[in-house]
Amino acid sequence: MDYFPQNPPSDPAKLPEYLRNEFRRIQQVMLADQKAVRLTVLHAQPDKYAEGDVVYADGTDWNPGSGKGVYRYSGSAWVFLG
């Protein structure tokens, strides 16, 4: 399930109801039962990353050490997960 915001009302009096509905829709998307996680293949190390981040390296333009695959940042290095 994806979230795409609705157009906000032009009437400022309708803004509170609009925001309540948008927050409810966002919550539904966040709580939806996800069957999978899709990682974007990265061709360069992210500009910002922190311990526990998980990425998918292309293995050619960016090779954190073991070629193409999924890596977790340990706080000091990228660890190949597979």
Protein backbone atom coordinates (compact mmCIF):
# COMPACT_ATOMS: atom_id res chain seq x y z
CA MET A 1 0.00 0.00 0.00
CA ASP A 2 1.43 3.36 -1.01
CA TYR A 3 0.68 6.78 0.37
CA PHE A 4 0.02 9.68 -1.97
CA PRO A 5 -1.19 12.88 -0.28
CA GLN A 6 -4.48 14.38 -1.32
CA ASN A 7 -4.64 18.03 -2.38
CA PRO A 8 -5.15 20.30 0.63
CA PRO A 9 -8.37 22.31 0.85
CA SER A 10 -8.37 25.93 -0.21
CA ASP A 11 -10.68 26.73 2.71
CA PRO A 12 -8.53 27.09 5.88
CA ALA A 13 -11.48 26.00 8.01
CA LYS A 14 -11.31 22.55 6.38
CA LEU A 15 -7.60 22.11 7.12
CA PRO A 16 -8.02 20.34 10.51
CA GLU A 17 -10.26 17.66 8.98
CA TYR A 18 -7.90 17.28 6.02
CA LEU A 19 -4.90 16.78 8.36
CA ARG A 20 -6.78 14.24 10.50
CA ASN A 21 -7.63 12.25 7.37
CA GLU A 22 -4.08 12.44 6.00
CA PHE A 23 -2.55 11.32 9.32
CA ARG A 24 -5.03 8.43 9.43
CA ARG A 25 -4.07 7.40 5.90
CA ILE A 26 -0.36 7.60 6.75
CA GLN A 27 -0.95 5.44 9.82
CA GLN A 28 -2.76 2.82 7.75
CA VAL A 29 0.17 2.59 5.35
CA MET A 30 2.71 2.37 8.17
CA LEU A 31 0.77 -0.36 9.99
CA ALA A 32 -0.11 -2.38 6.89
CA ASP A 33 1.14 -5.95 6.85
CA GLN A 34 4.15 -5.84 4.55
CA LYS A 35 5.13 -9.08 2.82
CA ALA A 36 8.56 -7.86 1.76
CA VAL A 37 11.05 -5.03 2.00
CA ARG A 38 12.33 -3.60 -1.26
CA LEU A 39 15.84 -2.16 -1.22
CA THR A 40 17.04 0.20 -3.94
CA VAL A 41 20.30 -0.91 -5.53
CA LEU A 42 22.91 1.72 -4.63
CA HIS A 43 25.75 2.63 -6.98
CA ALA A 44 27.59 4.67 -4.32
CA GLN A 45 27.89 4.65 -0.55
CA PRO A 46 25.11 6.73 1.03
CA ASP A 47 26.12 10.25 2.05
CA LYS A 48 24.71 9.67 5.53
CA TYR A 49 24.52 6.34 7.33
CA ALA A 50 24.48 5.04 10.88
CA GLU A 51 24.97 1.79 12.77
CA GLY A 52 22.28 -0.70 11.79
CA ASP A 53 21.55 0.75 8.35
CA VAL A 54 20.91 -1.90 5.69
CA VAL A 55 21.64 -1.26 2.00
CA TYR A 56 21.91 -3.12 -1.30
CA ALA A 57 25.21 -2.40 -3.09
CA ASP A 58 25.51 -2.95 -6.83
CA GLY A 59 28.99 -4.45 -6.37
CA THR A 60 30.48 -2.64 -9.36
CA ASP A 61 30.20 1.12 -8.93
CA TRP A 62 30.13 0.61 -5.16
CA ASN A 63 31.63 -2.54 -3.67
CA PRO A 64 31.79 -2.43 0.14
CA GLY A 65 33.92 -5.59 0.14
CA SER A 66 32.11 -8.72 -1.05
CA GLY A 67 30.54 -7.63 -4.32
CA LYS A 68 26.86 -7.24 -5.11
CA GLY A 69 24.48 -7.81 -2.22
CA VAL A 70 22.96 -6.67 1.05
CA TYR A 71 25.15 -5.04 3.71
CA ARG A 72 24.59 -3.80 7.26
CA TYR A 73 26.64 -0.98 8.73
CA SER A 74 28.19 -2.18 12.01
CA GLY A 75 29.28 1.25 13.21
CA SER A 76 32.76 0.90 11.74
CA ALA A 77 32.35 -1.11 8.50
CA TRP A 78 29.83 -2.52 6.05
CA VAL A 79 29.14 -6.20 6.83
CA PHE A 80 28.04 -8.45 3.98
CA LEU A 81 24.72 -10.20 4.68
CA GLY A 82 24.24 -11.96 1.39
